[in-house]
Amino acid sequence: MKAKSQLIEMVEKRLRENCGALPGERLLVAVSGGVDSMVLLHLLAQGAQHHAWVLGVAHLNHGLRGRASDADERLVRRTAAALGLECICERVKAGQLRQAGSISLEMAAREARHRFLLRAASQFKTTKVVLAHHADDQAELFFVRLLRGSGSDGLAGMEWNGGSPFDARVRLLRPLLECSKSEIQAYAQAEQLQHREDESNQDLDMERNWVRHELLPIMLARRPALPAILPRIMETLRAESDFLEFLARAWMTEAGPSSVRQPFSALHPALQRTCLRLQLPALNVFPEFDLIEKLRTKPGKMMIAPGNIAVVCSADGRVTVVPKTHQELFTDAQQFVPLTRKGGRIEFGGLQLQWKPGKGTVPVGKPPTGTEYFDAEKLEGGIMLRYWRAGDRFQPIGMSHPVKLQDLFTNEKVPRAARHQRVVGMTAPGEIFWVEGLRIGERFKLDKETRLWLKWGWQRIASAG
């Protein structure tokens, strides 16, 4: 382990030379309460007086761990007060993160954290936020992004001084990037620094934890030089990514009519991707690879980004947000329903649905509103509930062939906004057998061959509407 004075000197040097922190600047330190950020705060507090840095503390309580999250916040507040530092805290309700549209809980928490840091930096009157990412984090991030199919910009890892993903004017400084986790833990132990442990860091269902606890130990055992090799790889990728960014910015800011410069469609795909990636954060959209590819290959077609933000890429490579008055928002939410012999009940899409199987005498006559009967044997394997999607086809009872569901909605005079709230039932092989508010599917009606039938009922939940 480096001596205390060496570690403090290293952090000061990296902040000055690599992160660009100037004497007398206001620096906001992001502190979670974990060992990494508590050590960072302690190191900065030790060295701040030599450079007249004015420190502040920022902490976001995600609320994901209940009382443990509250204990994290209390520790951070107490530590900041003991150091005489301003502490900016916010709380997020866990339910808000879990209902963050189509993005994962991990991604929702990350976005909430970055947006909080922007607000906290503004409140603290600074554009520089110091984070506790270290060398082990870099290695983990490389393999996590590799497994997710990231390009060179993602595999290049974190920068000493990088822009916030949602506002590049706010700089994220990382002075611990060449410091190992073991050095940080040794320092905390030597200085007897109080810190909190997040039990979720041991959950191997989370990809980063699996990389940390299983993949990296195996690789290090086979390739002990990996800690020295990875930084070289990432530095090479960083240089290539920076060059692409330079070319992309030059293309986007080139003066003159579009006919003078090379059209977007003629650019190399790598340059197209970079142009799109640079535009999305300014629209409050996280630049995911899949979204970028859809925008790049389907100009003029509206795409739904995480958070239900609709964006479109024009033929000249310009990305804009589609006003809500022009959006037709499709959602990917769906839920599998096993059709148990005893029947069951479920809530989905603002509907309360119930089903019950039967055999013997086939029900006759018109069923009451909100009730239908189907041939149960044709629904074997369970069903999938989801919303209407563009391109869906459906064959209502009495029709000889499937037609576009959109055309049926038009004929039935279903309002555009209401179409996106309609729930459909789909068989395991992928055929729609039921659409809320329309006739049942022709192939699934009861007939003289029916031996087992399914009673299917639904009603809108008043509070959901």
Foldseek 3Di string as FASTA:
>chain_A
DDDLVVVLVLLVCCCVPFAPDAAQEEEEEEAQQALLSLLVVVSCLVPNVVRNYAYAYEYEQACPVPVLSVVSVVVRVVVCVVSVHHYHYDYHHNVCLPVQAPDDSVVSVVLVVLVSVVVVCVVSVHLEYEYRDEQLNLVLQLVVCVVVPDALVSNLGDGQWAARLQGRSRIYHHSHHHPDPVNSVVVCVVVVPRGGDDPCLCVCVDPSSVCNPPVVVVVCVVPVCVSVPSNVSSVVSVVVLVVLLVVLVCQVPPDDDPVVDDALLPDDPSSLLNNLCVQQSPVVAHSDPVVSVCQSVPAPDWDQGRSRWIWGAHRRSDIDTDPPVPDLGAGPDKDWDAQDQQWDWDDDLQKIKTKHKDFDDDDDDDDDPQKDKWQVVVQPPTKMKGADDPPAWAAAAPRPDIDGVVVVCVVVVPDSNVRNSKMFIAGPVGHTQDIPPDHGGRVTHDDPVRGMMMMMGMDGDVVSD
